[in-house]
Structures are given as C-alpha cells and as structure tokens.
Amino acid sequence: MEQISRDLSPSFIAGAAEAFPSAEITFDRFHVVKLLNEAMNQVRISERKEHFVIFVSTK
C-alpha cells in the first residue's frame, strides 16, 4: 500500500500507521475544510466580541 486517505481521527491515524508504516498519509478534504471553517468561525466570534463597542458605535 503506497497511500492511505482517511479522516483526522487519532484512532484511524494510529491504526493505519501500524498496519501500513510505509504508506503516505493523505487526509480527506472534507474534514480538513471543516476544521478550517470551525477555526475561522472561532476567530470571527472572538473578533466580534473584542470589537463589539466599535462595531455598535459605527451604526
């Protein structure tokens, strides 16, 4: 096996690494994009809270 595509679950990562130690790891796009969207949402929420006074006063 040369390449394995899987999600980001630690149990899948450990199991695949044990079963196929020389295989190249590729994470599936859906889960990577999901994590990026969640991180961007947290930044957006944090910025909104931090700058709420400025945001309200400009309306």
C-alpha atoms as a PDB file:
ATOM      1  CA  MET A   1       0.000   0.000   0.000  1.00  0.00           C
ATOM      2  CA  GLU A   2       1.540   3.293  -1.097  1.00  0.00           C
ATOM      3  CA  GLN A   3      -1.052   5.837   0.009  1.00  0.00           C
ATOM      4  CA  ILE A   4      -3.911   5.993   2.521  1.00  0.00           C
ATOM      5  CA  SER A   5      -6.699   8.569   2.599  1.00  0.00           C
ATOM      6  CA  ARG A   6      -8.552   8.920   5.888  1.00  0.00           C
ATOM      7  CA  ASP A   7     -10.161  11.335   8.296  1.00  0.00           C
ATOM      8  CA  LEU A   8      -8.348  13.025  11.178  1.00  0.00           C
ATOM      9  CA  SER A   9      -9.395  10.610  13.926  1.00  0.00           C
ATOM     10  CA  PRO A  10      -6.403   9.709  16.132  1.00  0.00           C
ATOM     11  CA  SER A  11      -7.509   6.068  16.233  1.00  0.00           C
ATOM     12  CA  PHE A  12      -7.570   5.848  12.419  1.00  0.00           C
ATOM     13  CA  ILE A  13      -4.171   7.534  12.215  1.00  0.00           C
ATOM     14  CA  ALA A  14      -2.626   5.125  14.736  1.00  0.00           C
ATOM     15  CA  GLY A  15      -4.226   2.058  13.180  1.00  0.00           C
ATOM     16  CA  ALA A  16      -3.210   2.958   9.639  1.00  0.00           C
ATOM     17  CA  ALA A  17       0.339   3.839  10.713  1.00  0.00           C
ATOM     18  CA  GLU A  18       0.624   0.479  12.457  1.00  0.00           C
ATOM     19  CA  ALA A  19      -0.876  -1.540   9.595  1.00  0.00           C
ATOM     20  CA  PHE A  20       0.832   0.359   6.753  1.00  0.00           C
ATOM     21  CA  PRO A  21       4.005   2.008   8.128  1.00  0.00           C
ATOM     22  CA  SER A  22       5.432   2.943   4.725  1.00  0.00           C
ATOM     23  CA  ALA A  23       2.203   4.358   3.247  1.00  0.00           C
ATOM     24  CA  GLU A  24       1.914   8.085   2.578  1.00  0.00           C
ATOM     25  CA  ILE A  25      -0.853   9.759   4.583  1.00  0.00           C
ATOM     26  CA  THR A  26      -3.480  11.928   2.883  1.00  0.00           C
ATOM     27  CA  PHE A  27      -6.286  13.482   4.924  1.00  0.00           C
ATOM     28  CA  ASP A  28      -9.653  13.800   3.254  1.00  0.00           C
ATOM     29  CA  ARG A  29     -10.610  17.278   2.072  1.00  0.00           C
ATOM     30  CA  PHE A  30     -13.994  17.347   3.821  1.00  0.00           C
ATOM     31  CA  HIS A  31     -12.531  17.075   7.333  1.00  0.00           C
ATOM     32  CA  VAL A  32      -9.666  19.496   6.638  1.00  0.00           C
ATOM     33  CA  VAL A  33     -12.079  22.138   5.300  1.00  0.00           C
ATOM     34  CA  LYS A  34     -14.419  21.512   8.242  1.00  0.00           C
ATOM     35  CA  LEU A  35     -11.592  22.180  10.719  1.00  0.00           C
ATOM     36  CA  LEU A  36     -10.554  25.325   8.848  1.00  0.00           C
ATOM     37  CA  ASN A  37     -14.133  26.626   8.828  1.00  0.00           C
ATOM     38  CA  GLU A  38     -14.501  25.955  12.563  1.00  0.00           C
ATOM     39  CA  ALA A  39     -11.229  27.792  13.273  1.00  0.00           C
ATOM     40  CA  MET A  40     -12.268  30.769  11.119  1.00  0.00           C
ATOM     41  CA  ASN A  41     -15.619  30.893  12.899  1.00  0.00           C
ATOM     42  CA  GLN A  42     -13.884  30.993  16.290  1.00  0.00           C
ATOM     43  CA  VAL A  43     -11.702  33.883  15.110  1.00  0.00           C
ATOM     44  CA  ARG A  44     -14.772  35.706  13.786  1.00  0.00           C
ATOM     45  CA  ILE A  45     -16.612  35.251  17.103  1.00  0.00           C
ATOM     46  CA  SER A  46     -13.565  36.373  19.085  1.00  0.00           C
ATOM     47  CA  GLU A  47     -13.091  39.471  16.926  1.00  0.00           C
ATOM     48  CA  ARG A  48     -16.774  40.324  17.168  1.00  0.00           C
ATOM     49  CA  LYS A  49     -16.625  40.145  20.986  1.00  0.00           C
ATOM     50  CA  GLU A  50     -13.378  42.124  21.139  1.00  0.00           C
ATOM     51  CA  HIS A  51     -14.580  44.908  18.863  1.00  0.00           C
ATOM     52  CA  PHE A  52     -18.284  44.917  19.738  1.00  0.00           C
ATOM     53  CA  VAL A  53     -18.233  48.501  21.091  1.00  0.00           C
ATOM     54  CA  ILE A  54     -16.567  49.798  17.943  1.00  0.00           C
ATOM     55  CA  PHE A  55     -18.990  47.853  15.736  1.00  0.00           C
ATOM     56  CA  VAL A  56     -22.113  49.144  17.554  1.00  0.00           C
ATOM     57  CA  SER A  57     -20.928  52.773  17.651  1.00  0.00           C
ATOM     58  CA  THR A  58     -20.412  52.889  13.879  1.00  0.00           C
ATOM     59  CA  LYS A  59     -24.035  52.047  13.053  1.00  0.00           C
END
